[in-house]
Amino acid sequence: MIKTILSIETSCDDTGIAIVKTPTKSGGNFSVLADVIASQIKIHAKYGGVYPTLARREHQSNLVPVLEKALREANMLNPENPTNKKFGKIEKNLEREPELKEKVVTFLSQYSKPKIDAIAVTVGPGLEPCLWVGVNFAKALSSYWNIPTIAVNHIKAHLLMGATQNGKTSKLRKNDFPAVCLIVSGGHTQLILMKSVGSYQILGETRDDAAGECLDKAARILGLSYPGGPIIAEQAIGAKNTFGIKLPRPMLNTKDYDFSFSGLKTAVLYENLKMAKTTKKNKEYIKEMCAEIQQAVIDVLIKKTLKAVKDCRAKTIIFGGGVMANKELRKQFQGEIKTQIPSAKCLMPSPEFCTDNGLMVAIAGYFVAEQKKLITPKTGHKNLEVNANLRVQ
């Protein structure tokens, strides 16, 4: 039985490690012993987006310090002399991560094995160079500590974070299904039908830019900082309808469940160029543009999601992804659900748990372990591979 899980998240630009005790009974709560994140936002801000090779180097630098901090928080950092001093397998697992290899060997030379039963690690989707750092790190720890690994789908982790309400429960009841799940982030915008835990079907997804990606690009067009979502939300507060800006809502009325946000980004560009020719931009113009951009995204997400809920006769709506931290989006979703589908259960993770984190990987790892899908060091981790384009299925 897997009682304690250490999880590793490196799919993009956040280095996350959590240590979680699994529920002792069906329907019980997860016990979070540690949940540590090292953000790279300030590093990538000057580039207006995430650079994979730079993010990879930062993960290599951050993983061991984040692990040490997580183990210390969980009261598991034991400085006794380790019994296993053979680092051959570690050096092989980390041969492509020389900087990380040196840090890992030093760490394992100083500390004994913690009371961890398994290591859950994100294998995709995400940025391939970043994913490999986390996976190779997991392989090295698994080999040295002789404990199994659990391959986790990043999208399912977001989904299960919302479904369990940040780990407050390990079980969804049968009458909660079917559920429609909206995952909306910088890299993904998907509607997923969840028939049960472990049974998923993609209903629709973005055909081009994801919602978060659109917000980042729109912010860049307006001369605002990265990441775009939070700054656009901040600027939108108190905006007035002085300029009468009206942006399109792409694919708002199509019969499918797909999204498209590249047209909205292009409209922002043209509107901004037009304004530059006719009058001098000011703070009020920026605020109104941000409010209209944000509302355009919200309108599309709400209409598409509620259409899917009604068409699928879903009993529950589950949300996940970084864009779901947006206060206005959450407020309007809750209001529309209450008005249009009051019988539907609405499950949203707390805003601080919408972005990438180790806790969601640990929760997802628990459900994978329940299905007996463990990868042991004896296999040489042959089944622990990265898939940057991993799908939900």
Protein backbone atom coordinates (compact mmCIF):
# COMPACT_ATOMS: atom_id res chain seq x y z
CA MET A 1 0.00 0.00 0.00
CA ILE A 2 1.27 3.47 -0.94
CA LYS A 3 1.01 5.56 2.22
CA THR A 4 3.30 8.49 1.42
CA ILE A 5 3.98 10.03 -2.00
CA LEU A 6 6.70 12.46 -3.01
CA SER A 7 5.75 14.29 -6.20
CA ILE A 8 7.76 16.20 -8.81
CA GLU A 9 6.37 18.80 -11.24
CA THR A 10 8.56 20.36 -13.97
CA SER A 11 6.25 20.55 -16.99
CA CYS A 12 6.85 24.25 -17.65
CA ASP A 13 8.46 26.99 -15.54
CA ASP A 14 7.47 26.01 -11.99
CA THR A 15 9.59 23.57 -10.00
CA GLY A 16 7.18 21.88 -7.61
CA ILE A 17 7.68 19.15 -5.02
CA ALA A 18 5.09 17.94 -2.53
CA ILE A 19 4.98 15.23 0.11
CA VAL A 20 1.54 13.83 0.81
CA LYS A 21 0.10 11.12 3.03
CA THR A 22 -2.66 9.26 1.21
CA PRO A 23 -6.13 8.76 2.75
CA THR A 24 -6.33 6.01 5.34
CA LYS A 25 -9.93 5.22 4.36
CA SER A 26 -12.12 5.54 1.29
CA GLY A 27 -13.39 9.07 0.93
CA GLY A 28 -10.85 10.43 3.39
CA ASN A 29 -8.62 13.45 3.03
CA PHE A 30 -5.06 13.73 1.78
CA SER A 31 -2.63 15.02 4.39
CA VAL A 32 -0.21 17.56 2.91
CA LEU A 33 3.14 17.38 4.70
CA ALA A 34 4.90 19.77 2.31
CA ASP A 35 4.18 21.64 -0.91
CA VAL A 36 7.07 23.75 -2.21
CA ILE A 37 7.26 25.71 -5.46
CA ALA A 38 10.14 27.63 -7.05
CA SER A 39 8.74 30.06 -9.62
CA GLN A 40 10.64 31.29 -12.67
CA ILE A 41 8.27 34.14 -13.58
CA LYS A 42 10.79 36.92 -12.91
CA ILE A 43 13.41 35.16 -15.03
CA HIS A 44 11.16 34.77 -18.08
CA ALA A 45 9.32 38.11 -17.72
CA LYS A 46 11.90 40.07 -19.71
CA TYR A 47 11.38 37.71 -22.64
CA GLY A 48 7.58 37.90 -22.53
CA GLY A 49 7.23 34.12 -22.31
CA VAL A 50 8.88 30.87 -21.24
CA TYR A 51 12.12 29.83 -22.94
CA PRO A 52 12.34 26.01 -22.67
CA THR A 53 16.15 25.77 -22.51
CA LEU A 54 16.35 28.46 -19.85
CA ALA A 55 13.50 26.83 -17.90
CA ARG A 56 15.35 23.50 -18.09
CA ARG A 57 18.50 25.00 -16.57
CA GLU A 58 16.48 26.58 -13.78
CA HIS A 59 14.85 23.22 -12.97
CA GLN A 60 18.30 21.65 -12.78
CA SER A 61 19.32 24.35 -10.33
CA ASN A 62 16.10 24.30 -8.28
CA LEU A 63 15.18 20.64 -7.84
CA VAL A 64 17.56 19.66 -5.03
CA PRO A 65 17.00 22.85 -2.95
CA VAL A 66 13.22 22.45 -3.36
CA LEU A 67 13.48 18.78 -2.35
CA GLU A 68 15.51 19.69 0.73
CA LYS A 69 12.98 22.33 1.74
CA ALA A 70 10.04 19.94 1.22
CA LEU A 71 11.70 17.19 3.29
CA ARG A 72 12.54 19.69 6.02
CA GLU A 73 8.90 20.89 6.13
CA ALA A 74 7.73 17.27 6.32
CA ASN A 75 10.26 16.58 9.10
CA MET A 76 11.90 13.94 6.90
CA LEU A 77 15.34 15.46 6.30
CA ASN A 78 17.51 12.98 8.18
CA PRO A 79 21.25 13.85 8.20
CA GLU A 80 22.36 10.39 9.28
CA ASN A 81 24.91 8.56 7.19
CA PRO A 82 23.23 6.88 4.22
CA THR A 83 23.77 3.16 3.84
CA ASN A 84 23.90 3.07 0.04
CA LYS A 85 26.85 4.91 -1.46
CA LYS A 86 26.74 3.42 -4.94
CA PHE A 87 25.96 6.20 -7.41
CA GLY A 88 26.40 4.33 -10.70
CA LYS A 89 22.70 4.20 -11.55
CA ILE A 90 22.24 7.83 -10.55
CA GLU A 91 25.03 8.94 -12.85
CA LYS A 92 23.45 6.99 -15.69
CA ASN A 93 19.98 8.43 -15.06
CA LEU A 94 21.39 11.96 -14.91
CA GLU A 95 24.01 11.75 -17.65
CA ARG A 96 22.11 14.42 -19.60
CA GLU A 97 21.78 16.63 -16.51
CA PRO A 98 25.41 17.14 -15.37
CA GLU A 99 24.68 20.12 -13.09
CA LEU A 100 21.79 18.29 -11.44
CA LYS A 101 23.83 15.07 -11.13
CA GLU A 102 26.45 16.77 -8.99
CA LYS A 103 23.79 18.26 -6.70
CA VAL A 104 21.94 14.94 -6.35
CA VAL A 105 25.07 12.96 -5.47
CA THR A 106 26.01 15.55 -2.85
CA PHE A 107 22.50 15.49 -1.38
CA LEU A 108 22.29 11.69 -1.20
CA SER A 109 25.74 11.55 0.38
CA GLN A 110 24.47 13.66 3.27
CA TYR A 111 20.95 12.41 3.97
CA SER A 112 19.28 9.06 4.58
CA LYS A 113 16.26 7.75 2.73
CA PRO A 114 13.03 9.41 3.92
CA LYS A 115 9.88 7.43 4.68
CA ILE A 116 8.53 7.71 1.14
CA ASP A 117 6.68 4.84 -0.57
CA ALA A 118 6.60 6.15 -4.15
CA ILE A 119 7.60 9.07 -6.37
CA ALA A 120 4.95 10.61 -8.66
CA VAL A 121 6.30 12.67 -11.55
CA THR A 122 4.75 14.59 -14.43
CA VAL A 123 5.59 12.93 -17.77
CA GLY A 124 3.49 15.19 -20.04
CA PRO A 125 2.10 17.19 -21.63
CA GLY A 126 4.46 20.12 -21.33
CA LEU A 127 7.82 21.43 -22.52
CA GLU A 128 9.96 18.40 -23.35
CA PRO A 129 13.31 19.69 -21.99
CA CYS A 130 11.62 20.60 -18.71
CA LEU A 131 9.76 17.32 -18.40
CA TRP A 132 12.95 15.30 -18.87
CA VAL A 133 14.69 17.07 -15.98
CA GLY A 134 11.90 16.04 -13.60
CA VAL A 135 11.66 12.50 -14.95
CA ASN A 136 15.42 11.91 -14.81
CA PHE A 137 15.47 13.29 -11.26
CA ALA A 138 12.67 10.88 -10.31
CA LYS A 139 14.52 7.96 -11.88
CA ALA A 140 17.68 8.80 -9.93
CA LEU A 141 15.89 9.02 -6.57
CA SER A 142 13.85 5.89 -7.32
CA SER A 143 16.96 3.87 -8.17
CA TYR A 144 18.90 5.00 -5.11
CA TRP A 145 16.03 4.68 -2.62
CA ASN A 146 14.64 1.53 -4.32
CA ILE A 147 11.04 2.74 -4.45
CA PRO A 148 8.57 2.77 -7.38
CA THR A 149 7.67 5.71 -9.58
CA ILE A 150 4.24 6.81 -10.82
CA ALA A 151 3.81 8.47 -14.23
CA VAL A 152 1.34 11.36 -14.06
CA ASN A 153 -0.57 13.14 -16.83
CA HIS A 154 -0.36 16.89 -16.17
CA ILE A 155 -3.91 17.62 -17.40
CA LYS A 156 -5.41 14.85 -15.28
CA ALA A 157 -3.52 16.27 -12.31
CA HIS A 158 -5.19 19.67 -12.81
CA LEU A 159 -8.54 17.95 -13.20
CA LEU A 160 -8.19 15.83 -10.06
CA MET A 161 -7.00 18.84 -8.06
CA GLY A 162 -10.36 20.44 -8.72
CA ALA A 163 -12.31 17.22 -8.33
CA THR A 164 -10.89 16.54 -4.87
CA GLN A 165 -11.05 20.19 -3.81
CA ASN A 166 -7.31 20.55 -3.17
CA GLY A 167 -7.11 17.03 -1.71
CA LYS A 168 -9.90 17.38 0.81
CA THR A 169 -11.37 14.09 -0.35
CA SER A 170 -10.12 11.00 -2.17
CA LYS A 171 -13.43 9.96 -3.60
CA LEU A 172 -16.06 11.26 -5.97
CA ARG A 173 -19.47 9.69 -5.54
CA LYS A 174 -21.15 7.80 -8.37
CA ASN A 175 -23.94 10.35 -8.57
CA ASP A 176 -21.35 13.08 -9.29
CA PHE A 177 -20.93 11.65 -12.80
CA PRO A 178 -20.87 12.38 -15.61
CA ALA A 179 -18.81 15.52 -15.06
CA VAL A 180 -17.69 18.13 -17.56
CA CYS A 181 -14.18 19.46 -16.89
CA LEU A 182 -12.74 22.73 -18.15
CA ILE A 183 -8.94 22.93 -18.15
CA VAL A 184 -7.79 26.42 -19.08
CA SER A 185 -4.16 27.52 -18.87
CA GLY A 186 -1.32 29.02 -20.85
CA GLY A 187 -0.82 25.85 -22.86
CA HIS A 188 -4.23 24.19 -22.84
CA THR A 189 -7.90 24.97 -23.19
CA GLN A 190 -9.94 21.76 -23.16
CA LEU A 191 -13.39 20.51 -22.31
CA ILE A 192 -13.28 16.93 -21.04
CA LEU A 193 -16.10 14.54 -20.21
CA MET A 194 -15.26 12.60 -17.06
CA LYS A 195 -17.38 9.46 -16.85
CA SER A 196 -15.58 8.23 -13.72
CA VAL A 197 -12.13 8.58 -12.20
CA GLY A 198 -9.89 7.16 -14.92
CA SER A 199 -12.44 7.40 -17.75
CA TYR A 200 -12.11 10.55 -19.87
CA GLN A 201 -13.17 11.84 -23.27
CA ILE A 202 -12.04 15.10 -24.86
CA LEU A 203 -15.12 17.00 -26.02
CA GLY A 204 -13.35 20.01 -27.46
CA GLU A 205 -10.15 22.02 -27.33
CA THR A 206 -8.47 25.07 -28.77
CA ARG A 207 -7.64 24.98 -32.46
CA ASP A 208 -4.82 27.49 -32.06
CA ASP A 209 -3.87 29.64 -29.06
CA ALA A 210 -4.89 28.57 -25.57
CA ALA A 211 -6.73 31.17 -23.48
CA GLY A 212 -3.74 31.88 -21.26
CA GLU A 213 -1.44 32.14 -24.27
CA CYS A 214 -3.83 34.66 -25.83
CA LEU A 215 -3.80 36.77 -22.65
CA ASP A 216 0.01 36.72 -22.60
CA LYS A 217 0.23 37.85 -26.23
CA ALA A 218 -2.45 40.51 -25.81
CA ALA A 219 -0.63 41.92 -22.80
CA ARG A 220 2.58 42.07 -24.82
CA ILE A 221 0.80 43.99 -27.60
CA LEU A 222 -0.38 46.54 -25.03
CA GLY A 223 3.11 46.89 -23.58
CA LEU A 224 2.22 45.14 -20.32
CA SER A 225 4.34 42.69 -18.36
CA TYR A 226 4.41 38.88 -18.35
CA PRO A 227 2.45 36.81 -17.43
CA GLY A 228 -0.45 38.53 -19.15
CA GLY A 229 -3.42 37.04 -17.31
CA PRO A 230 -2.78 38.56 -13.87
CA ILE A 231 -1.81 42.02 -15.20
CA ILE A 232 -4.83 42.15 -17.54
CA ALA A 233 -7.11 41.19 -14.64
CA GLU A 234 -5.54 43.90 -12.48
CA GLN A 235 -5.86 46.57 -15.18
CA ALA A 236 -9.47 45.61 -15.92
CA ILE A 237 -10.65 46.57 -12.43
CA GLY A 238 -12.69 49.78 -12.55
CA ALA A 239 -12.47 50.17 -16.33
CA LYS A 240 -14.98 52.57 -17.97
CA ASN A 241 -16.63 52.32 -21.38
CA THR A 242 -15.02 55.52 -22.67
CA PHE A 243 -13.69 54.31 -26.01
CA GLY A 244 -16.46 51.84 -26.86
CA ILE A 245 -14.04 49.02 -27.65
CA LYS A 246 -15.69 45.83 -28.90
CA LEU A 247 -13.62 42.74 -29.57
CA PRO A 248 -14.78 39.48 -31.20
CA ARG A 249 -15.75 36.30 -29.33
CA PRO A 250 -14.25 33.63 -31.65
CA MET A 251 -16.35 30.47 -32.17
CA LEU A 252 -18.86 31.65 -29.57
CA ASN A 253 -21.89 30.32 -31.43
CA THR A 254 -20.51 27.22 -33.16
CA LYS A 255 -22.26 23.93 -32.40
CA ASP A 256 -19.08 22.16 -31.30
CA TYR A 257 -17.08 22.50 -28.07
CA ASP A 258 -13.88 23.80 -29.65
CA PHE A 259 -12.15 27.11 -28.96
CA SER A 260 -10.08 29.58 -30.95
CA PHE A 261 -8.33 32.58 -29.42
CA SER A 262 -5.82 33.62 -32.12
CA GLY A 263 -8.49 35.82 -33.76
CA LEU A 264 -8.99 37.68 -30.51
CA LYS A 265 -5.25 38.30 -30.25
CA THR A 266 -5.20 39.63 -33.83
CA ALA A 267 -8.16 41.90 -33.13
CA VAL A 268 -6.30 43.35 -30.14
CA LEU A 269 -3.33 44.06 -32.40
CA TYR A 270 -5.44 45.88 -35.03
CA GLU A 271 -7.42 47.81 -32.43
CA ASN A 272 -4.20 48.91 -30.80
CA LEU A 273 -2.69 50.03 -34.11
CA LYS A 274 -5.86 51.95 -34.98
CA MET A 275 -5.83 53.75 -31.64
CA ALA A 276 -2.17 54.66 -32.11
CA LYS A 277 -3.02 56.46 -35.36
CA THR A 278 -6.09 58.34 -34.12
CA THR A 279 -5.33 59.44 -30.60
CA LYS A 280 -2.76 59.12 -27.87
CA LYS A 281 -3.16 56.04 -25.72
CA ASN A 282 -3.62 56.62 -22.02
CA LYS A 283 -4.20 54.63 -18.86
CA GLU A 284 -7.98 54.59 -19.35
CA TYR A 285 -7.60 53.12 -22.84
CA ILE A 286 -5.34 50.36 -21.52
CA LYS A 287 -7.78 49.59 -18.71
CA GLU A 288 -10.74 49.41 -21.10
CA MET A 289 -8.82 47.20 -23.53
CA CYS A 290 -7.90 44.84 -20.70
CA ALA A 291 -11.49 44.67 -19.48
CA GLU A 292 -12.76 43.86 -22.98
CA ILE A 293 -10.05 41.24 -23.62
CA GLN A 294 -10.82 39.55 -20.31
CA GLN A 295 -14.57 39.62 -20.91
CA ALA A 296 -14.19 38.19 -24.42
CA VAL A 297 -12.30 35.20 -23.04
CA ILE A 298 -14.80 34.78 -20.19
CA ASP A 299 -17.81 34.90 -22.51
CA VAL A 300 -16.43 32.14 -24.74
CA LEU A 301 -15.35 29.89 -21.86
CA ILE A 302 -18.69 30.17 -20.07
CA LYS A 303 -20.91 29.63 -23.10
CA LYS A 304 -18.94 26.65 -24.43
CA THR A 305 -18.67 25.00 -21.02
CA LEU A 306 -22.34 25.37 -20.09
CA LYS A 307 -23.37 24.12 -23.53
CA ALA A 308 -21.30 20.98 -22.94
CA VAL A 309 -22.80 20.53 -19.46
CA LYS A 310 -26.34 20.78 -20.81
CA ASP A 311 -25.72 18.59 -23.87
CA CYS A 312 -24.01 15.87 -21.79
CA ARG A 313 -26.49 16.21 -18.91
CA ALA A 314 -23.53 16.50 -16.58
CA LYS A 315 -24.11 16.54 -12.85
CA THR A 316 -20.79 18.15 -11.95
CA ILE A 317 -18.53 20.83 -13.43
CA ILE A 318 -14.84 20.60 -12.57
CA PHE A 319 -12.34 23.37 -13.25
CA GLY A 320 -8.55 23.48 -13.40
CA GLY A 321 -5.59 25.35 -14.84
CA GLY A 322 -3.85 28.63 -14.17
CA VAL A 323 -6.41 30.89 -15.85
CA MET A 324 -9.01 29.64 -13.35
CA ALA A 325 -7.23 31.73 -10.72
CA ASN A 326 -8.84 34.78 -12.38
CA LYS A 327 -11.33 36.23 -9.86
CA GLU A 328 -13.71 37.65 -12.45
CA LEU A 329 -13.83 34.38 -14.39
CA ARG A 330 -14.62 32.44 -11.21
CA LYS A 331 -17.27 34.94 -10.14
CA GLN A 332 -19.07 34.95 -13.48
CA PHE A 333 -18.89 31.16 -13.84
CA GLN A 334 -20.43 30.67 -10.40
CA GLY A 335 -23.15 33.20 -11.18
CA GLU A 336 -24.09 31.65 -14.53
CA ILE A 337 -24.08 28.11 -13.15
CA LYS A 338 -26.36 29.19 -10.33
CA THR A 339 -28.71 30.86 -12.82
CA GLN A 340 -28.68 28.37 -15.71
CA ILE A 341 -27.88 24.99 -14.08
CA PRO A 342 -28.51 25.35 -10.33
CA SER A 343 -28.55 21.57 -9.81
CA ALA A 344 -24.96 21.15 -11.07
CA LYS A 345 -22.16 20.76 -8.55
CA CYS A 346 -19.36 23.28 -9.13
CA LEU A 347 -15.83 22.18 -8.13
CA MET A 348 -12.99 24.71 -8.35
CA PRO A 349 -9.56 24.45 -6.76
CA SER A 350 -8.48 27.40 -4.63
CA PRO A 351 -6.84 30.13 -6.76
CA GLU A 352 -3.38 29.37 -5.33
CA PHE A 353 -3.73 25.75 -6.46
CA CYS A 354 -4.86 26.53 -10.03
CA THR A 355 -1.31 27.07 -11.25
CA ASP A 356 1.20 24.20 -11.57
CA ASN A 357 2.20 22.63 -8.25
CA GLY A 358 3.45 19.42 -6.71
CA LEU A 359 0.29 18.72 -4.73
CA MET A 360 -1.81 18.09 -7.83
CA VAL A 361 0.81 15.59 -9.08
CA ALA A 362 0.73 13.74 -5.76
CA ILE A 363 -3.09 13.55 -5.83
CA ALA A 364 -3.08 12.25 -9.40
CA GLY A 365 -0.31 9.82 -8.47
CA TYR A 366 -2.50 8.37 -5.75
CA PHE A 367 -5.26 7.55 -8.24
CA VAL A 368 -2.74 5.99 -10.66
CA ALA A 369 -1.32 3.90 -7.81
CA GLU A 370 -4.85 2.74 -6.96
CA GLN A 371 -4.95 1.21 -10.44
CA LYS A 372 -1.69 -0.67 -9.66
CA LYS A 373 0.23 1.24 -12.35
CA LEU A 374 3.58 1.45 -10.59
CA ILE A 375 7.00 1.46 -12.27
CA THR A 376 9.68 -0.30 -10.21
CA PRO A 377 13.45 0.31 -10.42
CA LYS A 378 13.89 -3.36 -11.42
CA THR A 379 12.49 -2.60 -14.88
CA GLY A 380 15.14 0.06 -15.42
CA HIS A 381 12.33 2.60 -15.66
CA LYS A 382 11.73 1.53 -19.25
CA ASN A 383 8.10 2.63 -18.98
CA LEU A 384 8.91 6.02 -17.49
CA GLU A 385 9.22 8.21 -20.56
CA VAL A 386 8.36 11.79 -21.43
CA ASN A 387 5.55 12.59 -23.86
CA ALA A 388 5.32 16.34 -24.44
CA ASN A 389 2.07 15.89 -26.38
CA LEU A 390 0.45 13.43 -23.99
CA ARG A 391 -3.34 13.31 -24.35
CA VAL A 392 -6.14 12.66 -21.91
CA GLN A 393 -7.75 9.29 -22.66
